Each structure stands twice: as C-alpha cells, then as structure tokens.
Amino acid sequence: MGYGFVIPGNETTSGRDKSNPQPTFILPLGTPVRSLVDGIVANMPTLWSGDISIQVTTDGKLQRWVYEVEHVINPKVKVGDKVTAGQIIAEVSNFDKGAPAGFGAVEIGILKGGNP
C-alpha cells in the first residue's frame, strides 16, 4: 500500500479527505506484530475501526515521543508492561483498506506530541 494513501472524508472525524501519514503494511491476518522499541506500554486505545493501537514510550507515560503500532488485535501486553524491540505484542487485524482476502493492514507511527 502506498505511503500517504487518502482516507475518504466519510471515514474521518473531520468529514474531509486526508492523507494517512503512517507507513502501512499489508500482511496475512494473524501475523505477529512486534514492538518498535524498548519501553513501557503507555496506552492502548480502541480505534474508530474497532481494533487497537499499542503505544510505547520510554517511561510508560504519554509524552513528546510515542511509538505506535495500529490496527492490531489479540494484544499480548497491557498498559504498564515493559517491552523490548522485536517482542511480539499483538497480531495483524482484519482492517483491510483494500487488502486482498485473508490479509489485513497494520500501521506504524512515531508520534511527536501526539501527532503522526
């Protein structure tokens, strides 16, 4: 999937089309998703799509830099857990964004001050 694909306005909170600023990977459903960095799970919000974002920081508090994986299911961690880079923390969800049958999309992000 191309970097910066357009999210249609009917799927955004603003009602306007917007470019997705995060790299998106199309993978088989259930593929293990790994932590991007060493740190502590700071937040695990449920996304508009019904799946989860796992957000990791150095100290487990939401801060200036947050490392995130989005559109995951079956989390293997919870808020407050210490993780290491490469550790399996979840699985690819069925969030498809046009993926073929049996595949889903997962996004990675480095948020500065909460913004991708």
PDB file of N, CA and C in Angstrom:
ATOM      1  N   MET A   1       0.854  -1.169   0.000  1.00  0.00           N
ATOM      2  CA  MET A   1       0.000   0.000   0.000  1.00  0.00           C
ATOM      3  C   MET A   1       0.898   1.231   0.000  1.00  0.00           C
ATOM      4  N   GLY A   2       0.571   2.193  -0.801  1.00  0.00           N
ATOM      5  CA  GLY A   2       1.401   3.383  -0.929  1.00  0.00           C
ATOM      6  C   GLY A   2       1.409   4.252   0.320  1.00  0.00           C
ATOM      7  N   TYR A   3       2.544   4.867   0.572  1.00  0.00           N
ATOM      8  CA  TYR A   3       2.680   5.792   1.697  1.00  0.00           C
ATOM      9  C   TYR A   3       1.780   6.984   1.446  1.00  0.00           C
ATOM     10  N   GLY A   4       1.057   7.410   2.476  1.00  0.00           N
ATOM     11  CA  GLY A   4       0.226   8.604   2.375  1.00  0.00           C
ATOM     12  C   GLY A   4      -1.070   8.391   1.613  1.00  0.00           C
ATOM     13  N   PHE A   5      -1.603   7.145   1.576  1.00  0.00           N
ATOM     14  CA  PHE A   5      -2.850   6.917   0.858  1.00  0.00           C
ATOM     15  C   PHE A   5      -3.939   7.808   1.447  1.00  0.00           C
ATOM     16  N   VAL A   6      -4.948   8.107   0.665  1.00  0.00           N
ATOM     17  CA  VAL A   6      -6.008   9.026   1.085  1.00  0.00           C
ATOM     18  C   VAL A   6      -7.092   8.270   1.848  1.00  0.00           C
ATOM     19  N   ILE A   7      -7.436   8.810   3.027  1.00  0.00           N
ATOM     20  CA  ILE A   7      -8.545   8.299   3.825  1.00  0.00           C
ATOM     21  C   ILE A   7      -9.765   9.138   3.433  1.00  0.00           C
ATOM     22  N   PRO A   8     -10.827   8.509   2.904  1.00  0.00           N
ATOM     23  CA  PRO A   8     -12.001   9.270   2.471  1.00  0.00           C
ATOM     24  C   PRO A   8     -12.661  10.027   3.626  1.00  0.00           C
ATOM     25  N   GLY A   9     -13.226  11.171   3.312  1.00  0.00           N
ATOM     26  CA  GLY A   9     -13.866  12.014   4.312  1.00  0.00           C
ATOM     27  C   GLY A   9     -14.940  11.318   5.119  1.00  0.00           C
ATOM     28  N   ASN A  10     -15.636  10.349   4.506  1.00  0.00           N
ATOM     29  CA  ASN A  10     -16.689   9.657   5.259  1.00  0.00           C
ATOM     30  C   ASN A  10     -16.110   8.719   6.316  1.00  0.00           C
ATOM     31  N   GLU A  11     -14.776   8.563   6.371  1.00  0.00           N
ATOM     32  CA  GLU A  11     -14.124   7.727   7.385  1.00  0.00           C
ATOM     33  C   GLU A  11     -13.290   8.557   8.369  1.00  0.00           C
ATOM     34  N   THR A  12     -13.331   9.881   8.264  1.00  0.00           N
ATOM     35  CA  THR A  12     -12.548  10.736   9.163  1.00  0.00           C
ATOM     36  C   THR A  12     -13.471  11.489  10.105  1.00  0.00           C
ATOM     37  N   THR A  13     -12.932  11.908  11.245  1.00  0.00           N
ATOM     38  CA  THR A  13     -13.754  12.655  12.204  1.00  0.00           C
ATOM     39  C   THR A  13     -14.081  14.055  11.694  1.00  0.00           C
ATOM     40  N   SER A  14     -13.237  14.612  10.808  1.00  0.00           N
ATOM     41  CA  SER A  14     -13.475  15.958  10.282  1.00  0.00           C
ATOM     42  C   SER A  14     -14.447  15.955   9.112  1.00  0.00           C
ATOM     43  N   GLY A  15     -14.678  14.771   8.503  1.00  0.00           N
ATOM     44  CA  GLY A  15     -15.530  14.701   7.327  1.00  0.00           C
ATOM     45  C   GLY A  15     -14.819  15.078   6.042  1.00  0.00           C
ATOM     46  N   ARG A  16     -13.517  15.363   6.137  1.00  0.00           N
ATOM     47  CA  ARG A  16     -12.722  15.740   4.957  1.00  0.00           C
ATOM     48  C   ARG A  16     -11.717  14.643   4.631  1.00  0.00           C
ATOM     49  N   ASP A  17     -11.403  14.490   3.342  1.00  0.00           N
ATOM     50  CA  ASP A  17     -10.343  13.567   2.937  1.00  0.00           C
ATOM     51  C   ASP A  17      -9.037  13.987   3.598  1.00  0.00           C
ATOM     52  N   LYS A  18      -8.207  12.993   3.951  1.00  0.00           N
ATOM     53  CA  LYS A  18      -6.889  13.332   4.486  1.00  0.00           C
ATOM     54  C   LYS A  18      -5.903  12.237   4.096  1.00  0.00           C
ATOM     55  N   SER A  19      -4.638  12.615   3.985  1.00  0.00           N
ATOM     56  CA  SER A  19      -3.594  11.644   3.684  1.00  0.00           C
ATOM     57  C   SER A  19      -3.183  10.942   4.961  1.00  0.00           C
ATOM     58  N   ASN A  20      -3.013   9.623   4.877  1.00  0.00           N
ATOM     59  CA  ASN A  20      -2.533   8.858   6.027  1.00  0.00           C
ATOM     60  C   ASN A  20      -1.021   9.072   6.120  1.00  0.00           C
ATOM     61  N   PRO A  21      -0.531   9.631   7.224  1.00  0.00           N
ATOM     62  CA  PRO A  21       0.896   9.939   7.329  1.00  0.00           C
ATOM     63  C   PRO A  21       1.750   8.762   7.798  1.00  0.00           C
ATOM     64  N   GLN A  22       1.151   7.582   7.989  1.00  0.00           N
ATOM     65  CA  GLN A  22       1.897   6.475   8.568  1.00  0.00           C
ATOM     66  C   GLN A  22       2.154   5.377   7.547  1.00  0.00           C
ATOM     67  N   PRO A  23       3.349   4.779   7.581  1.00  0.00           N
ATOM     68  CA  PRO A  23       3.601   3.628   6.714  1.00  0.00           C
ATOM     69  C   PRO A  23       2.615   2.509   7.055  1.00  0.00           C
ATOM     70  N   THR A  24       2.042   1.914   6.015  1.00  0.00           N
ATOM     71  CA  THR A  24       1.031   0.880   6.166  1.00  0.00           C
ATOM     72  C   THR A  24       1.513  -0.379   5.465  1.00  0.00           C
ATOM     73  N   PHE A  25       1.387  -1.511   6.145  1.00  0.00           N
ATOM     74  CA  PHE A  25       1.853  -2.784   5.612  1.00  0.00           C
ATOM     75  C   PHE A  25       0.683  -3.738   5.483  1.00  0.00           C
ATOM     76  N   ILE A  26       0.584  -4.419   4.338  1.00  0.00           N
ATOM     77  CA  ILE A  26      -0.442  -5.419   4.088  1.00  0.00           C
ATOM     78  C   ILE A  26       0.183  -6.782   4.388  1.00  0.00           C
ATOM     79  N   LEU A  27      -0.412  -7.503   5.339  1.00  0.00           N
ATOM     80  CA  LEU A  27       0.149  -8.770   5.819  1.00  0.00           C
ATOM     81  C   LEU A  27      -0.969  -9.794   6.021  1.00  0.00           C
ATOM     82  N   PRO A  28      -0.624 -11.082   6.021  1.00  0.00           N
ATOM     83  CA  PRO A  28      -1.649 -12.092   6.302  1.00  0.00           C
ATOM     84  C   PRO A  28      -2.282 -11.866   7.678  1.00  0.00           C
ATOM     85  N   LEU A  29      -3.597 -12.086   7.768  1.00  0.00           N
ATOM     86  CA  LEU A  29      -4.290 -11.950   9.047  1.00  0.00           C
ATOM     87  C   LEU A  29      -3.609 -12.816  10.100  1.00  0.00           C
ATOM     88  N   GLY A  30      -3.484 -12.284  11.295  1.00  0.00           N
ATOM     89  CA  GLY A  30      -2.886 -13.025  12.399  1.00  0.00           C
ATOM     90  C   GLY A  30      -1.367 -12.973  12.451  1.00  0.00           C
ATOM     91  N   THR A  31      -0.718 -12.305  11.490  1.00  0.00           N
ATOM     92  CA  THR A  31       0.741 -12.188  11.526  1.00  0.00           C
ATOM     93  C   THR A  31       1.152 -11.514  12.839  1.00  0.00           C
ATOM     94  N   PRO A  32       2.177 -12.028  13.535  1.00  0.00           N
ATOM     95  CA  PRO A  32       2.630 -11.377  14.764  1.00  0.00           C
ATOM     96  C   PRO A  32       3.130  -9.951  14.492  1.00  0.00           C
ATOM     97  N   VAL A  33       2.753  -9.036  15.371  1.00  0.00           N
ATOM     98  CA  VAL A  33       3.213  -7.644  15.305  1.00  0.00           C
ATOM     99  C   VAL A  33       4.169  -7.432  16.462  1.00  0.00           C
ATOM    100  N   ARG A  34       5.292  -6.778  16.189  1.00  0.00           N
ATOM    101  CA  ARG A  34       6.353  -6.626  17.183  1.00  0.00           C
ATOM    102  C   ARG A  34       6.515  -5.178  17.631  1.00  0.00           C
ATOM    103  N   SER A  35       6.993  -5.016  18.834  1.00  0.00           N
ATOM    104  CA  SER A  35       7.268  -3.676  19.357  1.00  0.00           C
ATOM    105  C   SER A  35       8.376  -3.027  18.525  1.00  0.00           C
ATOM    106  N   LEU A  36       8.215  -1.744  18.263  1.00  0.00           N
ATOM    107  CA  LEU A  36       9.219  -0.998  17.508  1.00  0.00           C
ATOM    108  C   LEU A  36      10.450  -0.690  18.344  1.00  0.00           C
ATOM    109  N   VAL A  37      10.274  -0.541  19.656  1.00  0.00           N
ATOM    110  CA  VAL A  37      11.340  -0.056  20.543  1.00  0.00           C
ATOM    111  C   VAL A  37      11.266  -0.732  21.905  1.00  0.00           C
ATOM    112  N   ASP A  38      12.328  -0.586  22.688  1.00  0.00           N
ATOM    113  CA  ASP A  38      12.283  -0.923  24.108  1.00  0.00           C
ATOM    114  C   ASP A  38      11.489   0.169  24.818  1.00  0.00           C
ATOM    115  N   GLY A  39      10.683  -0.195  25.790  1.00  0.00           N
ATOM    116  CA  GLY A  39       9.945   0.810  26.544  1.00  0.00           C
ATOM    117  C   GLY A  39       8.857   0.187  27.382  1.00  0.00           C
ATOM    118  N   ILE A  40       7.868   1.006  27.704  1.00  0.00           N
ATOM    119  CA  ILE A  40       6.743   0.586  28.532  1.00  0.00           C
ATOM    120  C   ILE A  40       5.457   0.973  27.805  1.00  0.00           C
ATOM    121  N   VAL A  41       4.495   0.045  27.777  1.00  0.00           N
ATOM    122  CA  VAL A  41       3.214   0.319  27.121  1.00  0.00           C
ATOM    123  C   VAL A  41       2.508   1.434  27.889  1.00  0.00           C
ATOM    124  N   ALA A  42       2.261   2.551  27.194  1.00  0.00           N
ATOM    125  CA  ALA A  42       1.675   3.733  27.828  1.00  0.00           C
ATOM    126  C   ALA A  42       0.169   3.837  27.604  1.00  0.00           C
ATOM    127  N   ASN A  43      -0.313   3.293  26.482  1.00  0.00           N
ATOM    128  CA  ASN A  43      -1.716   3.474  26.143  1.00  0.00           C
ATOM    129  C   ASN A  43      -2.102   2.412  25.116  1.00  0.00           C
ATOM    130  N   MET A  44      -3.371   1.993  25.157  1.00  0.00           N
ATOM    131  CA  MET A  44      -3.885   1.021  24.190  1.00  0.00           C
ATOM    132  C   MET A  44      -5.319   1.395  23.811  1.00  0.00           C
ATOM    133  N   PRO A  45      -5.487   2.510  23.093  1.00  0.00           N
ATOM    134  CA  PRO A  45      -6.846   2.924  22.749  1.00  0.00           C
ATOM    135  C   PRO A  45      -7.464   2.027  21.672  1.00  0.00           C
ATOM    136  N   THR A  46      -8.793   1.900  21.743  1.00  0.00           N
ATOM    137  CA  THR A  46      -9.540   1.261  20.673  1.00  0.00           C
ATOM    138  C   THR A  46      -9.764   2.310  19.593  1.00  0.00           C
ATOM    139  N   LEU A  47      -9.479   1.957  18.350  1.00  0.00           N
ATOM    140  CA  LEU A  47      -9.561   2.881  17.228  1.00  0.00           C
ATOM    141  C   LEU A  47     -10.970   2.924  16.654  1.00  0.00           C
ATOM    142  N   TRP A  48     -11.223   3.894  15.793  1.00  0.00           N
ATOM    143  CA  TRP A  48     -12.517   4.039  15.139  1.00  0.00           C
ATOM    144  C   TRP A  48     -12.895   2.776  14.377  1.00  0.00           C
ATOM    145  N   SER A  49     -11.895   2.011  13.940  1.00  0.00           N
ATOM    146  CA  SER A  49     -12.123   0.799  13.155  1.00  0.00           C
ATOM    147  C   SER A  49     -12.452  -0.405  14.038  1.00  0.00           C
ATOM    148  N   GLY A  50     -12.372  -0.230  15.376  1.00  0.00           N
ATOM    149  CA  GLY A  50     -12.701  -1.302  16.306  1.00  0.00           C
ATOM    150  C   GLY A  50     -11.514  -2.127  16.746  1.00  0.00           C
ATOM    151  N   ASP A  51     -10.357  -1.911  16.118  1.00  0.00           N
ATOM    152  CA  ASP A  51      -9.161  -2.623  16.561  1.00  0.00           C
ATOM    153  C   ASP A  51      -8.355  -1.714  17.483  1.00  0.00           C
ATOM    154  N   ILE A  52      -7.094  -2.049  17.728  1.00  0.00           N
ATOM    155  CA  ILE A  52      -6.328  -1.411  18.807  1.00  0.00           C
ATOM    156  C   ILE A  52      -5.070  -0.734  18.292  1.00  0.00           C
ATOM    157  N   SER A  53      -4.648   0.291  18.999  1.00  0.00           N
ATOM    158  CA  SER A  53      -3.335   0.916  18.832  1.00  0.00           C
ATOM    159  C   SER A  53      -2.546   0.617  20.113  1.00  0.00           C
ATOM    160  N   ILE A  54      -1.315   0.137  19.963  1.00  0.00           N
ATOM    161  CA  ILE A  54      -0.454  -0.072  21.128  1.00  0.00           C
ATOM    162  C   ILE A  54       0.635   0.995  21.082  1.00  0.00           C
ATOM    163  N   GLN A  55       0.676   1.828  22.126  1.00  0.00           N
ATOM    164  CA  GLN A  55       1.583   2.974  22.178  1.00  0.00           C
ATOM    165  C   GLN A  55       2.620   2.768  23.278  1.00  0.00           C
ATOM    166  N   VAL A  56       3.899   2.890  22.899  1.00  0.00           N
ATOM    167  CA  VAL A  56       5.017   2.635  23.806  1.00  0.00           C
ATOM    168  C   VAL A  56       5.844   3.902  23.959  1.00  0.00           C
ATOM    169  N   THR A  57       6.251   4.188  25.201  1.00  0.00           N
ATOM    170  CA  THR A  57       7.161   5.307  25.486  1.00  0.00           C
ATOM    171  C   THR A  57       8.290   4.797  26.380  1.00  0.00           C
ATOM    172  N   THR A  58       9.252   5.665  26.629  1.00  0.00           N
ATOM    173  CA  THR A  58      10.390   5.252  27.444  1.00  0.00           C
ATOM    174  C   THR A  58      10.005   4.967  28.887  1.00  0.00           C
ATOM    175  N   ASP A  59       9.005   5.705  29.420  1.00  0.00           N
ATOM    176  CA  ASP A  59       8.664   5.564  30.839  1.00  0.00           C
ATOM    177  C   ASP A  59       7.217   5.140  31.106  1.00  0.00           C
ATOM    178  N   GLY A  60       6.467   4.829  30.046  1.00  0.00           N
ATOM    179  CA  GLY A  60       5.087   4.398  30.231  1.00  0.00           C
ATOM    180  C   GLY A  60       4.085   5.520  30.397  1.00  0.00           C
ATOM    181  N   LYS A  61       4.531   6.765  30.229  1.00  0.00           N
ATOM    182  CA  LYS A  61       3.638   7.920  30.292  1.00  0.00           C
ATOM    183  C   LYS A  61       3.561   8.536  28.904  1.00  0.00           C
ATOM    184  N   LEU A  62       2.378   9.014  28.540  1.00  0.00           N
ATOM    185  CA  LEU A  62       2.275   9.677  27.242  1.00  0.00           C
ATOM    186  C   LEU A  62       3.125  10.932  27.290  1.00  0.00           C
ATOM    187  N   GLN A  63       4.014  11.062  26.345  1.00  0.00           N
ATOM    188  CA  GLN A  63       4.978  12.156  26.342  1.00  0.00           C
ATOM    189  C   GLN A  63       5.215  12.644  24.932  1.00  0.00           C
ATOM    190  N   ARG A  64       6.256  13.421  24.748  1.00  0.00           N
ATOM    191  CA  ARG A  64       6.540  14.031  23.448  1.00  0.00           C
ATOM    192  C   ARG A  64       6.684  12.984  22.341  1.00  0.00           C
ATOM    193  N   TRP A  65       7.399  11.889  22.573  1.00  0.00           N
ATOM    194  CA  TRP A  65       7.605  10.856  21.554  1.00  0.00           C
ATOM    195  C   TRP A  65       6.883   9.583  21.954  1.00  0.00           C
ATOM    196  N   VAL A  66       6.010   9.117  21.082  1.00  0.00           N
ATOM    197  CA  VAL A  66       5.261   7.894  21.301  1.00  0.00           C
ATOM    198  C   VAL A  66       5.467   7.001  20.068  1.00  0.00           C
ATOM    199  N   TYR A  67       5.783   5.740  20.296  1.00  0.00           N
ATOM    200  CA  TYR A  67       5.997   4.779  19.220  1.00  0.00           C
ATOM    201  C   TYR A  67       4.791   3.851  19.204  1.00  0.00           C
ATOM    202  N   GLU A  68       4.153   3.718  18.024  1.00  0.00           N
ATOM    203  CA  GLU A  68       2.863   3.047  17.995  1.00  0.00           C
ATOM    204  C   GLU A  68       2.762   2.049  16.843  1.00  0.00           C
ATOM    205  N   VAL A  69       1.983   1.001  17.081  1.00  0.00           N
ATOM    206  CA  VAL A  69       1.500   0.110  16.027  1.00  0.00           C
ATOM    207  C   VAL A  69      -0.018   0.168  16.089  1.00  0.00           C
ATOM    208  N   GLU A  70      -0.645   0.331  14.918  1.00  0.00           N
ATOM    209  CA  GLU A  70      -2.094   0.498  14.848  1.00  0.00           C
ATOM    210  C   GLU A  70      -2.739  -0.622  14.058  1.00  0.00           C
ATOM    211  N   HIS A  71      -3.997  -0.858  14.353  1.00  0.00           N
ATOM    212  CA  HIS A  71      -4.830  -1.850  13.683  1.00  0.00           C
ATOM    213  C   HIS A  71      -4.344  -3.258  13.997  1.00  0.00           C
ATOM    214  N   VAL A  72      -4.234  -3.509  15.302  1.00  0.00           N
ATOM    215  CA  VAL A  72      -3.841  -4.836  15.778  1.00  0.00           C
ATOM    216  C   VAL A  72      -4.961  -5.422  16.633  1.00  0.00           C
ATOM    217  N   ILE A  73      -4.913  -6.749  16.804  1.00  0.00           N
ATOM    218  CA  ILE A  73      -5.867  -7.469  17.645  1.00  0.00           C
ATOM    219  C   ILE A  73      -5.100  -8.438  18.533  1.00  0.00           C
ATOM    220  N   ASN A  74      -5.802  -9.060  19.439  1.00  0.00           N
ATOM    221  CA  ASN A  74      -5.234 -10.063  20.341  1.00  0.00           C
ATOM    222  C   ASN A  74      -3.935  -9.585  20.994  1.00  0.00           C
ATOM    223  N   PRO A  75      -4.007  -8.446  21.710  1.00  0.00           N
ATOM    224  CA  PRO A  75      -2.789  -7.935  22.338  1.00  0.00           C
ATOM    225  C   PRO A  75      -2.193  -8.943  23.324  1.00  0.00           C
ATOM    226  N   LYS A  76      -0.887  -9.004  23.341  1.00  0.00           N
ATOM    227  CA  LYS A  76      -0.148  -9.895  24.250  1.00  0.00           C
ATOM    228  C   LYS A  76       0.407  -9.100  25.433  1.00  0.00           C
ATOM    229  N   VAL A  77       0.115  -7.786  25.469  1.00  0.00           N
ATOM    230  CA  VAL A  77       0.612  -6.888  26.518  1.00  0.00           C
ATOM    231  C   VAL A  77      -0.544  -6.052  27.039  1.00  0.00           C
ATOM    232  N   LYS A  78      -0.280  -5.339  28.141  1.00  0.00           N
ATOM    233  CA  LYS A  78      -1.264  -4.404  28.692  1.00  0.00           C
ATOM    234  C   LYS A  78      -0.522  -3.134  29.115  1.00  0.00           C
ATOM    235  N   VAL A  79      -1.275  -2.088  29.365  1.00  0.00           N
ATOM    236  CA  VAL A  79      -0.674  -0.827  29.812  1.00  0.00           C
ATOM    237  C   VAL A  79       0.172  -1.098  31.050  1.00  0.00           C
ATOM    238  N   GLY A  80       1.387  -0.566  31.044  1.00  0.00           N
ATOM    239  CA  GLY A  80       2.313  -0.741  32.161  1.00  0.00           C
ATOM    240  C   GLY A  80       3.335  -1.835  31.937  1.00  0.00           C
ATOM    241  N   ASP A  81       3.118  -2.712  30.947  1.00  0.00           N
ATOM    242  CA  ASP A  81       4.080  -3.786  30.668  1.00  0.00           C
ATOM    243  C   ASP A  81       5.349  -3.233  30.022  1.00  0.00           C
ATOM    244  N   LYS A  82       6.494  -3.766  30.437  1.00  0.00           N
ATOM    245  CA  LYS A  82       7.769  -3.448  29.811  1.00  0.00           C
ATOM    246  C   LYS A  82       7.906  -4.323  28.573  1.00  0.00           C
ATOM    247  N   VAL A  83       8.339  -3.725  27.444  1.00  0.00           N
ATOM    248  CA  VAL A  83       8.530  -4.461  26.205  1.00  0.00           C
ATOM    249  C   VAL A  83       9.930  -4.195  25.656  1.00  0.00           C
ATOM    250  N   THR A  84      10.391  -5.110  24.837  1.00  0.00           N
ATOM    251  CA  THR A  84      11.679  -4.930  24.161  1.00  0.00           C
ATOM    252  C   THR A  84      11.438  -4.876  22.655  1.00  0.00           C
ATOM    253  N   ALA A  85      12.295  -4.165  21.949  1.00  0.00           N
ATOM    254  CA  ALA A  85      12.188  -4.073  20.494  1.00  0.00           C
ATOM    255  C   ALA A  85      12.186  -5.476  19.906  1.00  0.00           C
ATOM    256  N   GLY A  86      11.225  -5.749  19.044  1.00  0.00           N
ATOM    257  CA  GLY A  86      11.116  -7.051  18.412  1.00  0.00           C
ATOM    258  C   GLY A  86      10.215  -8.036  19.133  1.00  0.00           C
ATOM    259  N   GLN A  87       9.798  -7.706  20.349  1.00  0.00           N
ATOM    260  CA  GLN A  87       8.911  -8.586  21.115  1.00  0.00           C
ATOM    261  C   GLN A  87       7.529  -8.622  20.460  1.00  0.00           C
ATOM    262  N   ILE A  88       6.928  -9.793  20.348  1.00  0.00           N
ATOM    263  CA  ILE A  88       5.580  -9.908  19.811  1.00  0.00           C
ATOM    264  C   ILE A  88       4.602  -9.306  20.812  1.00  0.00           C
ATOM    265  N   ILE A  89       3.787  -8.339  20.320  1.00  0.00           N
ATOM    266  CA  ILE A  89       2.862  -7.641  21.216  1.00  0.00           C
ATOM    267  C   ILE A  89       1.396  -7.773  20.781  1.00  0.00           C
ATOM    268  N   ALA A  90       1.138  -8.277  19.560  1.00  0.00           N
ATOM    269  CA  ALA A  90      -0.232  -8.399  19.058  1.00  0.00           C
ATOM    270  C   ALA A  90      -0.209  -9.143  17.726  1.00  0.00           C
ATOM    271  N   GLU A  91      -1.357  -9.094  17.016  1.00  0.00           N
ATOM    272  CA  GLU A  91      -1.486  -9.708  15.695  1.00  0.00           C
ATOM    273  C   GLU A  91      -2.114  -8.704  14.730  1.00  0.00           C
ATOM    274  N   VAL A  92      -1.851  -8.889  13.438  1.00  0.00           N
ATOM    275  CA  VAL A  92      -2.462  -8.064  12.402  1.00  0.00           C
ATOM    276  C   VAL A  92      -3.974  -8.286  12.420  1.00  0.00           C
ATOM    277  N   SER A  93      -4.729  -7.177  12.378  1.00  0.00           N
ATOM    278  CA  SER A  93      -6.189  -7.265  12.402  1.00  0.00           C
ATOM    279  C   SER A  93      -6.746  -7.398  10.986  1.00  0.00           C
ATOM    280  N   ASN A  94      -8.077  -7.415  10.897  1.00  0.00           N
ATOM    281  CA  ASN A  94      -8.731  -7.504   9.599  1.00  0.00           C
ATOM    282  C   ASN A  94      -9.032  -6.132   9.011  1.00  0.00           C
ATOM    283  N   PHE A  95      -8.418  -5.077   9.533  1.00  0.00           N
ATOM    284  CA  PHE A  95      -8.524  -3.737   8.948  1.00  0.00           C
ATOM    285  C   PHE A  95      -7.907  -3.833   7.563  1.00  0.00           C
ATOM    286  N   ASP A  96      -8.713  -3.719   6.502  1.00  0.00           N
ATOM    287  CA  ASP A  96      -8.193  -4.099   5.191  1.00  0.00           C
ATOM    288  C   ASP A  96      -7.752  -2.954   4.287  1.00  0.00           C
ATOM    289  N   LYS A  97      -8.415  -1.819   4.277  1.00  0.00           N
ATOM    290  CA  LYS A  97      -8.065  -0.720   3.376  1.00  0.00           C
ATOM    291  C   LYS A  97      -7.739  -1.224   1.973  1.00  0.00           C
ATOM    292  N   GLY A  98      -8.539  -2.164   1.484  1.00  0.00           N
ATOM    293  CA  GLY A  98      -8.365  -2.655   0.129  1.00  0.00           C
ATOM    294  C   GLY A  98      -7.452  -3.861   0.011  1.00  0.00           C
ATOM    295  N   ALA A  99      -7.095  -4.476   1.134  1.00  0.00           N
ATOM    296  CA  ALA A  99      -6.220  -5.656   1.105  1.00  0.00           C
ATOM    297  C   ALA A  99      -6.975  -6.853   0.522  1.00  0.00           C
ATOM    298  N   PRO A 100      -6.257  -7.788  -0.084  1.00  0.00           N
ATOM    299  CA  PRO A 100      -6.908  -8.999  -0.595  1.00  0.00           C
ATOM    300  C   PRO A 100      -7.489  -9.837   0.550  1.00  0.00           C
ATOM    301  N   ALA A 101      -8.396 -10.745   0.224  1.00  0.00           N
ATOM    302  CA  ALA A 101      -8.989 -11.631   1.217  1.00  0.00           C
ATOM    303  C   ALA A 101      -7.895 -12.368   1.977  1.00  0.00           C
ATOM    304  N   GLY A 102      -8.057 -12.460   3.309  1.00  0.00           N
ATOM    305  CA  GLY A 102      -7.080 -13.162   4.138  1.00  0.00           C
ATOM    306  C   GLY A 102      -5.929 -12.292   4.596  1.00  0.00           C
ATOM    307  N   PHE A 103      -5.959 -11.009   4.218  1.00  0.00           N
ATOM    308  CA  PHE A 103      -4.893 -10.077   4.591  1.00  0.00           C
ATOM    309  C   PHE A 103      -5.488  -8.899   5.353  1.00  0.00           C
ATOM    310  N   GLY A 104      -4.657  -8.232   6.128  1.00  0.00           N
ATOM    311  CA  GLY A 104      -5.060  -7.035   6.842  1.00  0.00           C
ATOM    312  C   GLY A 104      -3.959  -5.993   6.755  1.00  0.00           C
ATOM    313  N   ALA A 105      -4.246  -4.828   7.284  1.00  0.00           N
ATOM    314  CA  ALA A 105      -3.282  -3.731   7.262  1.00  0.00           C
ATOM    315  C   ALA A 105      -2.857  -3.400   8.686  1.00  0.00           C
ATOM    316  N   VAL A 106      -1.583  -3.124   8.862  1.00  0.00           N
ATOM    317  CA  VAL A 106      -1.069  -2.632  10.138  1.00  0.00           C
ATOM    318  C   VAL A 106      -0.235  -1.381   9.837  1.00  0.00           C
ATOM    319  N   GLU A 107      -0.352  -0.396  10.699  1.00  0.00           N
ATOM    320  CA  GLU A 107       0.384   0.857  10.514  1.00  0.00           C
ATOM    321  C   GLU A 107       1.373   1.034  11.651  1.00  0.00           C
ATOM    322  N   ILE A 108       2.498   1.658  11.335  1.00  0.00           N
ATOM    323  CA  ILE A 108       3.439   2.029  12.395  1.00  0.00           C
ATOM    324  C   ILE A 108       3.544   3.543  12.419  1.00  0.00           C
ATOM    325  N   GLY A 109       3.797   4.064  13.604  1.00  0.00           N
ATOM    326  CA  GLY A 109       3.883   5.509  13.715  1.00  0.00           C
ATOM    327  C   GLY A 109       4.816   5.932  14.812  1.00  0.00           C
ATOM    328  N   ILE A 110       5.434   7.070  14.590  1.00  0.00           N
ATOM    329  CA  ILE A 110       6.206   7.752  15.624  1.00  0.00           C
ATOM    330  C   ILE A 110       5.496   9.079  15.795  1.00  0.00           C
ATOM    331  N   LEU A 111       4.861   9.241  16.954  1.00  0.00           N
ATOM    332  CA  LEU A 111       4.059  10.432  17.209  1.00  0.00           C
ATOM    333  C   LEU A 111       4.885  11.452  17.983  1.00  0.00           C
ATOM    334  N   LYS A 112       4.890  12.666  17.502  1.00  0.00           N
ATOM    335  CA  LYS A 112       5.574  13.769  18.197  1.00  0.00           C
ATOM    336  C   LYS A 112       4.487  14.658  18.776  1.00  0.00           C
ATOM    337  N   GLY A 113       4.415  14.670  20.100  1.00  0.00           N
ATOM    338  CA  GLY A 113       3.393  15.471  20.757  1.00  0.00           C
ATOM    339  C   GLY A 113       1.992  14.985  20.444  1.00  0.00           C
ATOM    340  N   GLY A 114       1.843  13.682  20.159  1.00  0.00           N
ATOM    341  CA  GLY A 114       0.534  13.114  19.869  1.00  0.00           C
ATOM    342  C   GLY A 114       0.139  13.143  18.423  1.00  0.00           C
ATOM    343  N   ASN A 115       0.938  13.769  17.548  1.00  0.00           N
ATOM    344  CA  ASN A 115       0.613  13.848  16.117  1.00  0.00           C
ATOM    345  C   ASN A 115       1.546  12.962  15.309  1.00  0.00           C
ATOM    346  N   PRO A 116       0.970  12.248  14.302  1.00  0.00           N
ATOM    347  CA  PRO A 116       1.833  11.387  13.454  1.00  0.00           C
ATOM    348  C   PRO A 116       2.869  12.200  12.689  1.00  0.00           C
TER     349      PRO A 116
END
